[in-house]
Amino acid sequence: MKRFAIADAGFDIAPLRECLLAQQAGAYASFEGRVRNVNEGRPVLALTYEAYIALAEAEGEKIMAEACARFVIVEAACVHRVGRLGLGELAVWVGVSAGHRDAAFSACRWIIDEVKSRVAIWKHEHYADGEAGWLHPEPPGN
């Protein structure tokens, strides 16, 4: 199963979640990253994500394999968007199933932090004042 994907259009998380559920999974945790209307005090209108797809998917798969080895989880998956996204649109999703909640929460947090710091995806913010700027990597906690 491919655990990491780049999507160039919106996607439905329900079927992704269903793929993670199993009888041995007593817990499921997920993270949804969405486009917000402000960054560092500047009003934001939209974001454009660009990626070196082959490199991003390869590194993303490494992260997912590391998560499965590092945490006691049943399964995990992550999808990150590319292209122009408007306010409120889903930019990244992570889902983790595990026997217990601690492992699910811990793995989910670790995966999104690693994806944001290691995967070749760049964010171009479009500001309300007409300016734009590239951001990557993101500072921890964003």
N, C-alpha and C. Protein backbone atom coordinates (compact mmCIF):
# COMPACT_ATOMS: atom_id res chain seq x y z
N MET A 1 0.84 -1.19 0.00
CA MET A 1 0.00 0.00 0.00
C MET A 1 0.88 1.25 0.00
N LYS A 2 0.55 2.18 -0.85
CA LYS A 2 1.24 3.47 -0.88
C LYS A 2 0.72 4.29 0.29
N ARG A 3 1.63 4.73 1.14
CA ARG A 3 1.24 5.45 2.35
C ARG A 3 1.30 6.96 2.21
N PHE A 4 2.06 7.46 1.23
CA PHE A 4 2.20 8.90 1.05
C PHE A 4 1.87 9.26 -0.39
N ALA A 5 1.12 10.34 -0.56
CA ALA A 5 0.75 10.76 -1.91
C ALA A 5 0.72 12.27 -2.01
N ILE A 6 0.97 12.73 -3.23
CA ILE A 6 0.81 14.13 -3.59
C ILE A 6 -0.47 14.20 -4.44
N ALA A 7 -1.35 15.14 -4.11
CA ALA A 7 -2.60 15.30 -4.85
C ALA A 7 -2.64 16.67 -5.51
N ASP A 8 -3.03 16.71 -6.78
CA ASP A 8 -3.12 17.99 -7.47
C ASP A 8 -4.56 18.52 -7.52
N ALA A 9 -5.45 17.88 -6.78
CA ALA A 9 -6.84 18.32 -6.67
C ALA A 9 -7.35 17.94 -5.28
N GLY A 10 -8.48 18.49 -4.91
CA GLY A 10 -9.06 18.16 -3.62
C GLY A 10 -9.32 16.66 -3.51
N PHE A 11 -9.36 16.16 -2.30
CA PHE A 11 -9.56 14.72 -2.09
C PHE A 11 -10.46 14.49 -0.88
N ASP A 12 -11.10 13.34 -0.88
CA ASP A 12 -12.01 12.95 0.19
C ASP A 12 -11.25 12.11 1.20
N ILE A 13 -11.30 12.49 2.48
CA ILE A 13 -10.55 11.74 3.49
C ILE A 13 -11.28 10.48 3.95
N ALA A 14 -12.59 10.38 3.73
CA ALA A 14 -13.35 9.22 4.22
C ALA A 14 -12.79 7.89 3.70
N PRO A 15 -12.53 7.72 2.41
CA PRO A 15 -11.98 6.44 1.97
C PRO A 15 -10.55 6.20 2.47
N LEU A 16 -9.80 7.27 2.68
CA LEU A 16 -8.45 7.13 3.23
C LEU A 16 -8.53 6.61 4.66
N ARG A 17 -9.43 7.18 5.43
CA ARG A 17 -9.64 6.75 6.81
C ARG A 17 -10.07 5.29 6.85
N GLU A 18 -10.98 4.90 5.99
CA GLU A 18 -11.47 3.51 5.97
C GLU A 18 -10.33 2.53 5.73
N CYS A 19 -9.35 2.89 4.92
CA CYS A 19 -8.21 2.00 4.65
C CYS A 19 -7.34 1.78 5.88
N LEU A 20 -7.43 2.67 6.85
CA LEU A 20 -6.59 2.57 8.04
C LEU A 20 -7.24 1.75 9.15
N LEU A 21 -8.54 1.60 9.10
CA LEU A 21 -9.25 0.93 10.18
C LEU A 21 -9.12 -0.59 10.06
N ALA A 22 -8.91 -1.23 11.19
CA ALA A 22 -8.76 -2.68 11.25
C ALA A 22 -9.24 -3.14 12.61
N GLN A 23 -9.52 -4.42 12.76
CA GLN A 23 -10.04 -4.92 14.03
C GLN A 23 -9.07 -4.72 15.19
N GLN A 24 -7.77 -4.74 14.91
CA GLN A 24 -6.78 -4.56 15.99
C GLN A 24 -6.56 -3.08 16.33
N ALA A 25 -7.19 -2.18 15.58
CA ALA A 25 -7.03 -0.75 15.82
C ALA A 25 -8.12 -0.25 16.75
N GLY A 26 -7.75 0.05 17.98
CA GLY A 26 -8.69 0.62 18.93
C GLY A 26 -8.68 2.13 18.92
N ALA A 27 -7.75 2.71 18.15
CA ALA A 27 -7.63 4.16 18.11
C ALA A 27 -7.34 4.63 16.69
N TYR A 28 -7.81 5.83 16.40
CA TYR A 28 -7.54 6.49 15.13
C TYR A 28 -7.33 7.97 15.43
N ALA A 29 -6.27 8.54 14.91
CA ALA A 29 -6.01 9.96 15.06
C ALA A 29 -5.70 10.54 13.68
N SER A 30 -6.11 11.78 13.48
CA SER A 30 -5.82 12.41 12.20
C SER A 30 -5.49 13.88 12.40
N PHE A 31 -4.88 14.43 11.38
CA PHE A 31 -4.55 15.85 11.35
C PHE A 31 -4.98 16.38 9.99
N GLU A 32 -5.64 17.53 9.98
CA GLU A 32 -5.99 18.23 8.75
C GLU A 32 -5.37 19.61 8.79
N GLY A 33 -4.51 19.90 7.84
CA GLY A 33 -3.92 21.23 7.71
C GLY A 33 -4.68 21.99 6.63
N ARG A 34 -5.19 23.14 6.97
CA ARG A 34 -6.01 23.93 6.05
C ARG A 34 -5.40 25.32 5.84
N VAL A 35 -5.74 25.94 4.74
CA VAL A 35 -5.25 27.27 4.41
C VAL A 35 -5.95 28.28 5.32
N ARG A 36 -5.15 29.05 6.07
CA ARG A 36 -5.69 30.06 6.97
C ARG A 36 -5.54 31.45 6.35
N ASN A 37 -6.24 32.41 6.93
CA ASN A 37 -6.31 33.74 6.33
C ASN A 37 -5.25 34.72 6.82
N VAL A 38 -4.30 34.25 7.63
CA VAL A 38 -3.26 35.14 8.13
C VAL A 38 -2.01 34.32 8.44
N ASN A 39 -0.85 34.92 8.21
CA ASN A 39 0.42 34.32 8.61
C ASN A 39 1.34 35.43 9.08
N GLU A 40 1.82 35.29 10.31
CA GLU A 40 2.71 36.28 10.91
C GLU A 40 2.14 37.69 10.79
N GLY A 41 0.82 37.80 11.04
CA GLY A 41 0.16 39.10 11.03
C GLY A 41 -0.23 39.62 9.66
N ARG A 42 0.12 38.92 8.59
CA ARG A 42 -0.21 39.38 7.24
C ARG A 42 -1.44 38.65 6.72
N PRO A 43 -2.44 39.37 6.23
CA PRO A 43 -3.61 38.72 5.64
C PRO A 43 -3.22 37.91 4.39
N VAL A 44 -3.69 36.68 4.36
CA VAL A 44 -3.39 35.75 3.26
C VAL A 44 -4.67 35.50 2.48
N LEU A 45 -4.57 35.49 1.14
CA LEU A 45 -5.73 35.22 0.28
C LEU A 45 -5.74 33.78 -0.24
N ALA A 46 -4.54 33.22 -0.46
CA ALA A 46 -4.43 31.88 -1.04
C ALA A 46 -3.00 31.39 -0.88
N LEU A 47 -2.81 30.10 -1.14
CA LEU A 47 -1.47 29.49 -1.15
C LEU A 47 -1.30 28.71 -2.44
N THR A 48 -0.08 28.64 -2.90
CA THR A 48 0.26 27.73 -3.99
C THR A 48 1.37 26.83 -3.49
N TYR A 49 1.13 25.51 -3.55
CA TYR A 49 2.14 24.54 -3.17
C TYR A 49 2.76 23.97 -4.44
N GLU A 50 4.07 23.88 -4.45
CA GLU A 50 4.79 23.24 -5.54
C GLU A 50 5.67 22.16 -4.95
N ALA A 51 5.92 21.12 -5.72
CA ALA A 51 6.73 20.00 -5.23
C ALA A 51 7.52 19.39 -6.37
N TYR A 52 8.64 18.83 -6.02
CA TYR A 52 9.37 17.94 -6.90
C TYR A 52 8.74 16.59 -6.60
N ILE A 53 7.75 16.19 -7.40
CA ILE A 53 6.87 15.07 -7.08
C ILE A 53 7.61 13.78 -6.76
N ALA A 54 8.51 13.35 -7.63
CA ALA A 54 9.21 12.08 -7.40
C ALA A 54 10.00 12.10 -6.09
N LEU A 55 10.70 13.19 -5.84
CA LEU A 55 11.49 13.32 -4.62
C LEU A 55 10.56 13.43 -3.39
N ALA A 56 9.50 14.21 -3.51
CA ALA A 56 8.56 14.38 -2.40
C ALA A 56 7.91 13.04 -2.04
N GLU A 57 7.47 12.29 -3.03
CA GLU A 57 6.82 11.01 -2.74
C GLU A 57 7.81 10.00 -2.16
N ALA A 58 9.03 10.00 -2.65
CA ALA A 58 10.03 9.07 -2.11
C ALA A 58 10.35 9.39 -0.66
N GLU A 59 10.55 10.66 -0.36
CA GLU A 59 10.84 11.05 1.03
C GLU A 59 9.63 10.84 1.92
N GLY A 60 8.45 11.12 1.40
CA GLY A 60 7.22 10.88 2.16
C GLY A 60 7.06 9.41 2.51
N GLU A 61 7.35 8.53 1.57
CA GLU A 61 7.27 7.09 1.84
C GLU A 61 8.29 6.68 2.91
N LYS A 62 9.47 7.27 2.88
CA LYS A 62 10.48 6.98 3.91
C LYS A 62 9.95 7.37 5.29
N ILE A 63 9.35 8.55 5.37
CA ILE A 63 8.80 9.02 6.64
C ILE A 63 7.74 8.06 7.15
N MET A 64 6.87 7.63 6.26
CA MET A 64 5.79 6.73 6.67
C MET A 64 6.35 5.38 7.15
N ALA A 65 7.37 4.88 6.46
CA ALA A 65 8.00 3.62 6.89
C ALA A 65 8.67 3.79 8.25
N GLU A 66 9.32 4.94 8.44
CA GLU A 66 9.96 5.22 9.73
C GLU A 66 8.91 5.29 10.85
N ALA A 67 7.78 5.90 10.57
CA ALA A 67 6.71 6.00 11.57
C ALA A 67 6.21 4.61 11.95
N CYS A 68 6.03 3.75 10.96
CA CYS A 68 5.54 2.39 11.24
C CYS A 68 6.56 1.59 12.05
N ALA A 69 7.83 1.87 11.88
CA ALA A 69 8.87 1.18 12.64
C ALA A 69 9.05 1.80 14.03
N ARG A 70 8.86 3.09 14.13
CA ARG A 70 9.13 3.83 15.37
C ARG A 70 8.00 3.74 16.39
N PHE A 71 6.76 3.68 15.91
CA PHE A 71 5.59 3.67 16.79
C PHE A 71 4.85 2.35 16.66
N VAL A 72 4.15 1.97 17.71
CA VAL A 72 3.35 0.74 17.69
C VAL A 72 1.99 1.11 17.09
N ILE A 73 1.95 1.11 15.76
CA ILE A 73 0.72 1.49 15.06
C ILE A 73 0.31 0.38 14.10
N VAL A 74 -0.94 0.42 13.69
CA VAL A 74 -1.45 -0.55 12.73
C VAL A 74 -1.15 -0.07 11.32
N GLU A 75 -1.46 1.19 11.02
CA GLU A 75 -1.24 1.73 9.68
C GLU A 75 -1.24 3.25 9.74
N ALA A 76 -0.70 3.87 8.68
CA ALA A 76 -0.66 5.33 8.58
C ALA A 76 -0.68 5.73 7.12
N ALA A 77 -1.17 6.95 6.89
CA ALA A 77 -1.21 7.49 5.52
C ALA A 77 -1.13 9.01 5.59
N CYS A 78 -0.66 9.61 4.50
CA CYS A 78 -0.56 11.07 4.41
C CYS A 78 -0.75 11.49 2.96
N VAL A 79 -1.50 12.56 2.76
CA VAL A 79 -1.69 13.15 1.43
C VAL A 79 -1.43 14.65 1.55
N HIS A 80 -0.63 15.19 0.63
CA HIS A 80 -0.36 16.63 0.61
C HIS A 80 -0.74 17.17 -0.75
N ARG A 81 -1.43 18.30 -0.75
CA ARG A 81 -1.86 18.95 -1.99
C ARG A 81 -0.72 19.74 -2.62
N VAL A 82 -0.83 19.92 -3.93
CA VAL A 82 -0.04 20.88 -4.67
C VAL A 82 -1.02 21.70 -5.51
N GLY A 83 -0.55 22.84 -6.00
CA GLY A 83 -1.41 23.73 -6.78
C GLY A 83 -1.90 24.88 -5.92
N ARG A 84 -2.80 25.66 -6.50
CA ARG A 84 -3.34 26.84 -5.79
C ARG A 84 -4.52 26.42 -4.93
N LEU A 85 -4.49 26.83 -3.66
CA LEU A 85 -5.55 26.51 -2.71
C LEU A 85 -6.10 27.80 -2.11
N GLY A 86 -7.41 27.87 -1.99
CA GLY A 86 -8.08 29.01 -1.39
C GLY A 86 -8.21 28.84 0.12
N LEU A 87 -8.66 29.89 0.77
CA LEU A 87 -8.85 29.87 2.22
C LEU A 87 -9.75 28.72 2.63
N GLY A 88 -9.35 28.01 3.67
CA GLY A 88 -10.14 26.91 4.20
C GLY A 88 -9.94 25.58 3.51
N GLU A 89 -9.27 25.56 2.37
CA GLU A 89 -9.08 24.29 1.66
C GLU A 89 -8.09 23.39 2.39
N LEU A 90 -8.32 22.09 2.27
CA LEU A 90 -7.46 21.09 2.88
C LEU A 90 -6.14 21.01 2.13
N ALA A 91 -5.03 21.26 2.83
CA ALA A 91 -3.70 21.24 2.22
C ALA A 91 -2.96 19.94 2.51
N VAL A 92 -3.15 19.39 3.70
CA VAL A 92 -2.45 18.15 4.07
C VAL A 92 -3.31 17.38 5.06
N TRP A 93 -3.28 16.06 4.92
CA TRP A 93 -4.02 15.17 5.83
C TRP A 93 -3.09 14.04 6.25
N VAL A 94 -3.14 13.71 7.54
CA VAL A 94 -2.42 12.56 8.09
C VAL A 94 -3.41 11.74 8.88
N GLY A 95 -3.38 10.43 8.71
CA GLY A 95 -4.22 9.54 9.50
C GLY A 95 -3.40 8.38 10.02
N VAL A 96 -3.67 7.98 11.26
CA VAL A 96 -2.94 6.88 11.90
C VAL A 96 -3.92 6.03 12.69
N SER A 97 -3.81 4.72 12.54
CA SER A 97 -4.57 3.80 13.38
C SER A 97 -3.58 3.02 14.24
N ALA A 98 -4.02 2.70 15.46
CA ALA A 98 -3.15 2.00 16.41
C ALA A 98 -4.02 1.26 17.41
N GLY A 99 -3.38 0.42 18.18
CA GLY A 99 -4.10 -0.28 19.23
C GLY A 99 -4.57 0.65 20.32
N HIS A 100 -3.79 1.70 20.58
CA HIS A 100 -4.08 2.62 21.68
C HIS A 100 -3.89 4.07 21.23
N ARG A 101 -4.57 4.99 21.90
CA ARG A 101 -4.57 6.40 21.49
C ARG A 101 -3.21 7.07 21.57
N ASP A 102 -2.40 6.75 22.57
CA ASP A 102 -1.11 7.42 22.70
C ASP A 102 -0.25 7.21 21.46
N ALA A 103 -0.19 5.99 20.98
CA ALA A 103 0.60 5.70 19.78
C ALA A 103 0.02 6.41 18.56
N ALA A 104 -1.31 6.43 18.43
CA ALA A 104 -1.94 7.08 17.29
C ALA A 104 -1.66 8.59 17.29
N PHE A 105 -1.85 9.24 18.44
CA PHE A 105 -1.58 10.68 18.53
C PHE A 105 -0.10 10.99 18.30
N SER A 106 0.77 10.23 18.95
CA SER A 106 2.22 10.48 18.84
C SER A 106 2.71 10.31 17.42
N ALA A 107 2.28 9.24 16.76
CA ALA A 107 2.71 8.99 15.38
C ALA A 107 2.18 10.06 14.44
N CYS A 108 0.92 10.45 14.64
CA CYS A 108 0.32 11.48 13.78
C CYS A 108 1.11 12.78 13.88
N ARG A 109 1.42 13.21 15.08
CA ARG A 109 2.18 14.45 15.29
C ARG A 109 3.57 14.34 14.68
N TRP A 110 4.23 13.20 14.89
CA TRP A 110 5.57 13.00 14.36
C TRP A 110 5.56 13.05 12.83
N ILE A 111 4.58 12.39 12.21
CA ILE A 111 4.51 12.36 10.75
C ILE A 111 4.36 13.76 10.18
N ILE A 112 3.42 14.57 10.68
CA ILE A 112 3.24 15.89 10.10
C ILE A 112 4.47 16.76 10.32
N ASP A 113 5.11 16.65 11.47
CA ASP A 113 6.33 17.43 11.71
C ASP A 113 7.43 17.03 10.74
N GLU A 114 7.60 15.74 10.50
CA GLU A 114 8.63 15.26 9.57
C GLU A 114 8.31 15.64 8.13
N VAL A 115 7.07 15.52 7.73
CA VAL A 115 6.67 15.90 6.37
C VAL A 115 6.98 17.37 6.14
N LYS A 116 6.61 18.22 7.09
CA LYS A 116 6.83 19.66 6.92
C LYS A 116 8.32 20.02 6.91
N SER A 117 9.16 19.24 7.56
CA SER A 117 10.58 19.59 7.60
C SER A 117 11.42 18.89 6.52
N ARG A 118 10.97 17.75 6.01
CA ARG A 118 11.82 16.96 5.12
C ARG A 118 11.35 16.82 3.67
N VAL A 119 10.09 16.98 3.41
CA VAL A 119 9.56 16.71 2.07
C VAL A 119 9.70 17.94 1.18
N ALA A 120 10.09 17.72 -0.06
CA ALA A 120 10.36 18.80 -1.03
C ALA A 120 9.06 19.40 -1.54
N ILE A 121 8.39 20.16 -0.65
CA ILE A 121 7.17 20.88 -0.99
C ILE A 121 7.39 22.33 -0.56
N TRP A 122 7.10 23.25 -1.47
CA TRP A 122 7.30 24.66 -1.18
C TRP A 122 5.97 25.38 -1.20
N LYS A 123 5.83 26.33 -0.27
CA LYS A 123 4.58 27.08 -0.12
C LYS A 123 4.79 28.52 -0.55
N HIS A 124 3.94 28.97 -1.46
CA HIS A 124 3.96 30.34 -1.96
C HIS A 124 2.69 31.02 -1.44
N GLU A 125 2.85 31.98 -0.53
CA GLU A 125 1.70 32.68 0.03
C GLU A 125 1.35 33.89 -0.82
N HIS A 126 0.05 34.09 -1.03
CA HIS A 126 -0.47 35.24 -1.76
C HIS A 126 -1.18 36.13 -0.75
N TYR A 127 -0.64 37.33 -0.55
CA TYR A 127 -1.13 38.23 0.49
C TYR A 127 -2.17 39.21 -0.05
N ALA A 128 -2.98 39.74 0.87
CA ALA A 128 -4.05 40.67 0.52
C ALA A 128 -3.51 41.97 -0.09
N ASP A 129 -2.27 42.34 0.26
CA ASP A 129 -1.71 43.59 -0.27
C ASP A 129 -1.14 43.43 -1.68
N GLY A 130 -1.32 42.25 -2.28
CA GLY A 130 -0.84 42.01 -3.64
C GLY A 130 0.54 41.37 -3.71
N GLU A 131 1.26 41.36 -2.62
CA GLU A 131 2.58 40.72 -2.60
C GLU A 131 2.43 39.22 -2.43
N ALA A 132 3.54 38.51 -2.66
CA ALA A 132 3.58 37.06 -2.48
C ALA A 132 4.97 36.68 -1.99
N GLY A 133 5.06 35.54 -1.33
CA GLY A 133 6.36 35.11 -0.83
C GLY A 133 6.42 33.60 -0.66
N TRP A 134 7.61 33.05 -0.90
CA TRP A 134 7.84 31.61 -0.73
C TRP A 134 8.24 31.31 0.69
N LEU A 135 7.71 30.21 1.24
CA LEU A 135 8.03 29.77 2.59
C LEU A 135 8.37 28.28 2.56
N HIS A 136 9.52 27.89 3.08
CA HIS A 136 9.88 26.49 3.34
C HIS A 136 11.31 26.46 3.84
N PRO A 137 11.60 25.67 4.82
CA PRO A 137 10.63 24.85 5.55
C PRO A 137 9.85 25.69 6.53
N GLU A 138 8.73 25.13 6.99
CA GLU A 138 7.91 25.83 7.96
C GLU A 138 8.55 25.71 9.34
N PRO A 139 8.40 26.74 10.16
CA PRO A 139 8.90 26.64 11.53
C PRO A 139 8.07 25.60 12.31
N PRO A 140 8.68 24.94 13.29
CA PRO A 140 7.95 23.94 14.08
C PRO A 140 6.69 24.52 14.68
N GLY A 141 5.64 23.70 14.71
CA GLY A 141 4.38 24.10 15.31
C GLY A 141 3.41 24.79 14.38
N ASN A 142 3.73 24.96 13.10
CA ASN A 142 2.81 25.62 12.16
C ASN A 142 2.02 24.61 11.37
